[in-house]
Amino acid sequence: MTGAPARPRVRVTRRLPEAVEARLAATYDVVFNGEDRALGADELRAALTDFDAVVPTITDRLDAAVIAAGGRRARLLANYGAGVDHIDLAAARAAGIAVSNTPGALTEATAELAILLMLMAARRAGEGEREVRAGTWTGWRPTHLVGQSLAGRTLGLIGFGRIAQRTAARARGLGMEIRYFSRSAAAPEIEASLAATRVASAEALFETADVISLHIPGGADTRHFVDAALLARAKPTAILVNTARGSVIDEAALVAALADGRIAAVGLDVYEREPAISAGLLDSPRTVLLPHLGSATIEARTAMGMQAIDNLDAFFGGGQMPDRVA
């Protein structure tokens, strides 16, 4: 008499919402990260050697050197998150490792945060909050921390995928005009529903937008997409918001633009070398800086985990993964 087949072994690299960990434990032979710290290269190699699948996050650098390690057992990287620029997809394909992600689950939360950053930067809310906490606020006066309204302003979106479109919908509710730049045009009905106009280039968008919000993936192709030359085209009154990937902005160029008054304010949730943040951003009074909170709602983080498990279930059940990227 034979026993039940062994459950697939799964390594989870960071702590996940309780409901997600409970579902994983009910189905898989799973090892969690009780310390909730980023795993090093050697630990990731060990995970690929000892487990059938790994559930990584953006903090795990799964480059070619890690993936190509000998004795590999893992057949799936069920990424917890939509972005996969931390995974060398070509190396995964060459090694026969499937990769999935969790698109859609974090759309609403990230769009909300983009609007939050716009409002905080426009209304100088970060400056005001710091002043109150420092005990230096002396009371109301007509010219104190006067910001700008978003109503009637032009929002320029770099990239026009799910998150950008939901951001546009919320911005329309604030009375903003919508323009976007992307490699391909959105469907006419989407443009019509958002009253969105596509512009011919990123340069043209930077020249005309009052608020610029970045919604492009990370990776080699988009590294320093926003550089000194592009920032030089922005209005001096413009606000730049980034909830995408920190690598898409040349932070040194952004710090210089802020210092020189060539851009009015910045709202960032992601950074080029996070968790390290450029001193020039920390020191500037015109920056709103958040610790990568784009998807940080219980609804989004739980949905991301459930979507990752759906991909695990499909893979080990012999079906087609709904969110396969490699």
Protein backbone atom coordinates (compact mmCIF):
# COMPACT_ATOMS: atom_id res chain seq x y z
CA MET A 1 0.00 0.00 0.00
CA THR A 2 1.44 3.33 -1.03
CA GLY A 3 1.01 6.56 0.83
CA ALA A 4 -0.27 9.87 -0.47
CA PRO A 5 2.00 11.58 -3.01
CA ALA A 6 4.44 14.05 -1.52
CA ARG A 7 3.30 17.64 -1.60
CA PRO A 8 5.44 20.04 -3.66
CA ARG A 9 8.00 21.89 -1.55
CA VAL A 10 7.65 25.66 -1.76
CA ARG A 11 9.97 28.37 -0.40
CA VAL A 12 8.42 31.75 0.37
CA THR A 13 11.04 34.49 0.57
CA ARG A 14 9.16 37.13 2.64
CA ARG A 15 6.28 37.19 5.14
CA LEU A 16 2.91 37.30 3.39
CA PRO A 17 -0.58 38.17 4.69
CA GLU A 18 -1.92 35.60 7.15
CA ALA A 19 -4.66 34.32 4.85
CA VAL A 20 -2.13 33.74 2.08
CA GLU A 21 0.28 31.81 4.31
CA ALA A 22 -2.61 29.70 5.64
CA ARG A 23 -3.70 28.71 2.13
CA LEU A 24 -0.12 27.86 1.16
CA ALA A 25 0.37 25.72 4.26
CA ALA A 26 -2.83 23.82 3.58
CA THR A 27 -1.67 22.70 0.14
CA TYR A 28 2.13 22.67 0.05
CA ASP A 29 5.14 21.63 2.09
CA VAL A 30 6.07 25.25 2.60
CA VAL A 31 8.89 27.06 4.36
CA PHE A 32 8.26 30.69 5.27
CA ASN A 33 10.68 33.48 6.08
CA GLY A 34 10.00 34.10 9.76
CA GLU A 35 12.68 36.80 9.94
CA ASP A 36 11.12 38.66 7.00
CA ARG A 37 14.44 39.81 5.58
CA ALA A 38 15.72 39.80 2.02
CA LEU A 39 17.50 36.58 1.12
CA GLY A 40 21.08 36.70 -0.15
CA ALA A 41 22.35 35.09 -3.34
CA ASP A 42 23.51 31.94 -1.56
CA GLU A 43 20.15 31.52 0.15
CA LEU A 44 18.34 31.95 -3.14
CA ARG A 45 20.57 29.34 -4.78
CA ALA A 46 19.77 26.98 -1.90
CA ALA A 47 16.06 27.64 -2.39
CA LEU A 48 16.33 26.72 -6.07
CA THR A 49 18.19 23.55 -5.09
CA ASP A 50 15.98 22.37 -2.22
CA PHE A 51 12.46 23.33 -3.33
CA ASP A 52 10.12 22.59 -6.23
CA ALA A 53 8.96 26.21 -6.42
CA VAL A 54 9.96 29.57 -4.99
CA VAL A 55 7.63 32.49 -4.29
CA PRO A 56 9.97 35.50 -4.60
CA THR A 57 9.37 39.24 -4.31
CA ILE A 58 11.04 42.36 -5.67
CA THR A 59 13.72 42.15 -2.96
CA ASP A 60 15.08 38.88 -4.42
CA ARG A 61 17.72 39.34 -7.13
CA LEU A 62 17.35 36.22 -9.24
CA ASP A 63 20.03 36.91 -11.82
CA ALA A 64 21.69 34.50 -14.23
CA ALA A 65 24.38 33.54 -11.70
CA VAL A 66 21.77 32.51 -9.14
CA ILE A 67 19.51 30.72 -11.61
CA ALA A 68 22.34 28.83 -13.33
CA ALA A 69 23.62 27.27 -10.08
CA GLY A 70 24.09 23.51 -10.22
CA GLY A 71 21.79 20.95 -8.60
CA ARG A 72 18.69 22.97 -9.34
CA ARG A 73 15.34 21.42 -8.34
CA ALA A 74 12.92 24.34 -8.68
CA ARG A 75 10.67 24.38 -11.73
CA LEU A 76 8.65 27.50 -10.97
CA LEU A 77 9.16 31.05 -9.72
CA ALA A 78 5.67 32.19 -8.72
CA ASN A 79 6.51 35.84 -8.27
CA TYR A 80 4.59 37.84 -5.67
CA GLY A 81 4.16 41.08 -7.60
CA ALA A 82 3.52 42.33 -11.11
CA GLY A 83 7.04 43.51 -11.94
CA VAL A 84 9.61 40.85 -12.81
CA ASP A 85 12.67 42.99 -13.57
CA HIS A 86 14.43 41.39 -10.57
CA ILE A 87 14.30 38.02 -12.39
CA ASP A 88 16.50 37.21 -15.38
CA LEU A 89 13.74 35.81 -17.57
CA ALA A 90 16.11 34.67 -20.31
CA ALA A 91 18.15 32.70 -17.78
CA ALA A 92 14.96 31.18 -16.34
CA ARG A 93 13.84 30.07 -19.80
CA ALA A 94 17.24 28.58 -20.53
CA ALA A 95 17.12 26.68 -17.24
CA GLY A 96 13.60 25.41 -17.86
CA ILE A 97 12.11 27.36 -14.97
CA ALA A 98 8.64 28.79 -15.47
CA VAL A 99 7.88 32.29 -14.15
CA SER A 100 4.52 33.80 -13.23
CA ASN A 101 3.47 37.13 -11.76
CA THR A 102 0.41 38.82 -10.24
CA PRO A 103 -0.84 41.51 -12.63
CA GLY A 104 -4.06 43.33 -11.86
CA ALA A 105 -4.17 42.58 -8.13
CA LEU A 106 -2.33 45.78 -7.18
CA THR A 107 -3.85 48.10 -9.80
CA GLU A 108 -6.35 49.95 -7.62
CA ALA A 109 -4.00 50.35 -4.65
CA THR A 110 -1.15 51.72 -6.76
CA ALA A 111 -3.42 54.12 -8.62
CA GLU A 112 -4.69 55.43 -5.29
CA LEU A 113 -1.14 56.00 -4.11
CA ALA A 114 -0.21 57.87 -7.29
CA ILE A 115 -3.08 60.27 -6.64
CA LEU A 116 -2.04 60.58 -3.00
CA LEU A 117 1.47 61.61 -4.03
CA MET A 118 0.11 64.14 -6.51
CA LEU A 119 -2.13 65.72 -3.88
CA MET A 120 0.57 65.76 -1.20
CA ALA A 121 3.11 67.34 -3.54
CA ALA A 122 0.68 69.87 -4.99
CA ARG A 123 -0.67 70.96 -1.61
CA ARG A 124 2.74 70.82 0.13
CA ALA A 125 1.30 68.39 2.67
CA GLY A 126 4.65 66.78 3.43
CA GLU A 127 6.16 70.15 4.32
CA GLY A 128 3.20 70.99 6.53
CA GLU A 129 3.23 67.66 8.34
CA ARG A 130 6.95 67.97 9.07
CA GLU A 131 6.47 71.50 10.35
CA VAL A 132 3.72 70.47 12.76
CA ARG A 133 5.75 67.52 14.10
CA ALA A 134 8.82 69.72 14.54
CA GLY A 135 6.81 72.17 16.65
CA THR A 136 7.67 75.10 14.38
CA TRP A 137 4.16 75.90 13.15
CA THR A 138 3.18 79.35 14.41
CA GLY A 139 -0.43 79.36 13.23
CA TRP A 140 -2.54 80.16 10.20
CA ARG A 141 -1.58 82.97 7.83
CA PRO A 142 -2.68 83.75 4.26
CA THR A 143 0.66 83.11 2.57
CA HIS A 144 1.75 80.04 4.51
CA LEU A 145 2.63 76.91 2.46
CA VAL A 146 0.47 77.94 -0.47
CA GLY A 147 0.32 75.09 -2.97
CA GLN A 148 -1.61 74.53 -6.17
CA SER A 149 -4.90 72.89 -7.07
CA LEU A 150 -4.99 69.89 -9.37
CA ALA A 151 -8.31 70.95 -10.88
CA GLY A 152 -7.79 72.22 -14.40
CA ARG A 153 -4.22 70.90 -14.55
CA THR A 154 -2.86 68.51 -17.15
CA LEU A 155 -1.81 65.05 -16.00
CA GLY A 156 0.78 63.43 -18.24
CA LEU A 157 1.13 59.66 -17.95
CA ILE A 158 4.26 57.87 -19.15
CA GLY A 159 2.91 54.42 -19.98
CA PHE A 160 -0.80 53.69 -20.25
CA GLY A 161 -1.40 50.22 -18.85
CA ARG A 162 -3.83 49.14 -16.13
CA ILE A 163 -2.44 51.31 -13.33
CA ALA A 164 -2.04 54.40 -15.50
CA GLN A 165 -5.61 54.10 -16.74
CA ARG A 166 -7.00 53.75 -13.22
CA THR A 167 -4.89 56.73 -12.16
CA ALA A 168 -6.34 58.68 -15.08
CA ALA A 169 -9.88 57.79 -14.04
CA ARG A 170 -9.28 59.09 -10.53
CA ALA A 171 -7.56 62.21 -11.84
CA ARG A 172 -10.57 62.93 -14.04
CA GLY A 173 -12.60 63.05 -10.84
CA LEU A 174 -10.29 65.81 -9.64
CA GLY A 175 -10.93 67.80 -12.82
CA MET A 176 -7.64 67.05 -14.53
CA GLU A 177 -7.03 66.83 -18.27
CA ILE A 178 -5.41 63.56 -19.35
CA ARG A 179 -2.55 63.08 -21.80
CA TYR A 180 -0.34 60.05 -22.18
CA PHE A 181 2.67 58.70 -24.00
CA SER A 182 3.15 55.01 -24.74
CA ARG A 183 4.60 52.92 -27.53
CA SER A 184 1.13 51.95 -28.70
CA ALA A 185 -2.18 53.74 -28.57
CA ALA A 186 -4.94 52.62 -26.24
CA ALA A 187 -8.19 51.38 -27.72
CA PRO A 188 -10.38 54.26 -28.93
CA GLU A 189 -13.08 53.42 -26.41
CA ILE A 190 -10.57 53.64 -23.52
CA GLU A 191 -9.30 56.99 -24.75
CA ALA A 192 -12.88 58.22 -25.08
CA SER A 193 -13.93 57.02 -21.61
CA LEU A 194 -11.01 58.85 -20.02
CA ALA A 195 -10.97 61.83 -22.40
CA ALA A 196 -7.31 60.93 -22.85
CA THR A 197 -5.09 62.24 -25.65
CA ARG A 198 -1.98 60.40 -26.79
CA VAL A 199 1.06 62.57 -27.51
CA ALA A 200 3.85 61.74 -29.91
CA SER A 201 6.80 61.62 -27.51
CA ALA A 202 7.87 61.70 -23.89
CA GLU A 203 9.52 65.04 -24.63
CA ALA A 204 6.23 66.53 -25.77
CA LEU A 205 4.50 65.21 -22.67
CA PHE A 206 7.09 66.70 -20.32
CA GLU A 207 6.82 70.06 -22.07
CA THR A 208 3.04 70.31 -21.63
CA ALA A 209 2.09 68.42 -18.44
CA ASP A 210 1.60 70.02 -15.04
CA VAL A 211 1.85 66.66 -13.27
CA ILE A 212 3.85 63.76 -14.73
CA SER A 213 3.21 60.25 -13.43
CA LEU A 214 5.42 57.30 -14.39
CA HIS A 215 3.88 53.91 -15.18
CA ILE A 216 6.51 51.96 -17.10
CA PRO A 217 8.24 48.71 -16.12
CA GLY A 218 11.77 48.55 -14.79
CA GLY A 219 14.68 46.83 -16.48
CA ALA A 220 17.55 47.64 -18.79
CA ASP A 221 15.32 49.10 -21.51
CA THR A 222 13.85 51.78 -19.23
CA ARG A 223 16.80 52.50 -16.92
CA HIS A 224 17.13 56.29 -16.51
CA PHE A 225 14.24 56.88 -18.91
CA VAL A 226 13.79 60.15 -17.05
CA ASP A 227 17.22 61.73 -17.37
CA ALA A 228 18.62 65.26 -17.27
CA ALA A 229 17.62 65.97 -20.86
CA LEU A 230 14.00 64.95 -20.29
CA LEU A 231 13.77 66.80 -16.97
CA ALA A 232 15.05 69.94 -18.70
CA ARG A 233 11.90 69.93 -20.83
CA ALA A 234 9.53 70.00 -17.84
CA LYS A 235 7.79 73.17 -16.72
CA PRO A 236 9.45 74.69 -13.63
CA THR A 237 6.02 74.40 -11.98
CA ALA A 238 5.68 70.67 -12.80
CA ILE A 239 5.28 67.83 -10.31
CA LEU A 240 6.87 64.43 -10.99
CA VAL A 241 5.39 61.27 -9.43
CA ASN A 242 6.85 57.77 -9.56
CA THR A 243 5.06 54.61 -8.38
CA ALA A 244 6.66 52.38 -11.03
CA ARG A 245 10.32 51.40 -10.51
CA GLY A 246 13.07 53.56 -9.05
CA SER A 247 15.47 52.70 -11.86
CA VAL A 248 13.42 54.61 -14.45
CA ILE A 249 14.65 57.92 -12.98
CA ASP A 250 18.25 59.13 -12.92
CA GLU A 251 18.17 60.25 -9.28
CA ALA A 252 21.29 62.38 -9.58
CA ALA A 253 19.66 64.31 -12.41
CA LEU A 254 16.44 64.64 -10.42
CA VAL A 255 18.29 65.99 -7.38
CA ALA A 256 20.02 68.55 -9.60
CA ALA A 257 16.72 69.60 -11.18
CA LEU A 258 15.17 70.12 -7.75
CA ALA A 259 18.16 72.07 -6.47
CA ASP A 260 18.16 74.32 -9.53
CA GLY A 261 14.41 74.97 -9.38
CA ARG A 262 13.83 73.31 -12.74
CA ILE A 263 10.99 71.22 -11.31
CA ALA A 264 8.59 72.24 -8.57
CA ALA A 265 8.04 69.08 -6.55
CA VAL A 266 8.45 65.33 -6.54
CA GLY A 267 6.40 62.47 -5.08
CA LEU A 268 8.24 59.14 -4.94
CA ASP A 269 7.30 55.69 -3.71
CA VAL A 270 10.26 53.89 -5.31
CA TYR A 271 13.98 54.63 -5.55
CA GLU A 272 16.93 53.82 -7.74
CA ARG A 273 18.89 52.03 -5.00
CA GLU A 274 16.19 51.32 -2.43
CA PRO A 275 16.10 51.15 0.47
CA ALA A 276 18.92 53.70 0.13
CA ILE A 277 17.65 57.16 -0.84
CA SER A 278 19.73 59.98 -2.30
CA ALA A 279 20.64 62.61 0.30
CA GLY A 280 19.49 65.33 -2.08
CA LEU A 281 15.98 63.90 -2.05
CA LEU A 282 15.91 63.54 1.72
CA ASP A 283 17.16 67.08 2.21
CA SER A 284 14.81 68.78 -0.22
CA PRO A 285 11.66 70.32 1.29
CA ARG A 286 9.88 69.78 -2.02
CA THR A 287 9.87 66.00 -1.99
CA VAL A 288 7.22 63.60 -0.71
CA LEU A 289 8.92 60.26 0.00
CA LEU A 290 7.10 57.02 0.81
CA PRO A 291 8.62 53.58 1.57
CA HIS A 292 7.37 51.59 -1.45
CA LEU A 293 3.73 51.44 -0.36
CA GLY A 294 2.11 51.21 -3.80
CA SER A 295 0.37 47.88 -3.22
CA ALA A 296 0.24 48.17 0.57
CA THR A 297 -3.44 47.62 1.27
CA ILE A 298 -4.61 44.42 2.91
CA GLU A 299 -6.90 43.87 -0.06
CA ALA A 300 -4.15 44.19 -2.66
CA ARG A 301 -1.46 42.28 -0.78
CA THR A 302 -3.85 39.41 -0.05
CA ALA A 303 -5.08 39.31 -3.65
CA MET A 304 -1.48 39.22 -4.89
CA GLY A 305 -0.77 36.21 -2.70
CA MET A 306 -3.90 34.39 -3.79
CA GLN A 307 -3.01 35.04 -7.42
CA ALA A 308 0.48 33.63 -6.87
CA ILE A 309 -1.09 30.51 -5.34
CA ASP A 310 -3.47 30.18 -8.28
CA ASN A 311 -0.41 29.98 -10.50
CA LEU A 312 1.21 27.41 -8.20
CA ASP A 313 -1.95 25.31 -8.19
CA ALA A 314 -2.25 25.43 -11.98
CA PHE A 315 1.40 24.53 -12.50
CA PHE A 316 1.49 21.57 -10.14
CA GLY A 317 -1.98 20.51 -11.22
CA GLY A 318 -0.81 20.15 -14.79
CA GLY A 319 -2.87 23.05 -16.09
CA GLN A 320 -2.03 26.32 -17.78
CA MET A 321 -0.86 29.07 -15.45
CA PRO A 322 -3.09 32.14 -15.82
CA ASP A 323 -0.20 34.61 -15.39
CA ARG A 324 2.83 32.98 -16.98
CA VAL A 325 5.51 35.41 -18.17
CA ALA A 326 8.31 32.93 -18.97
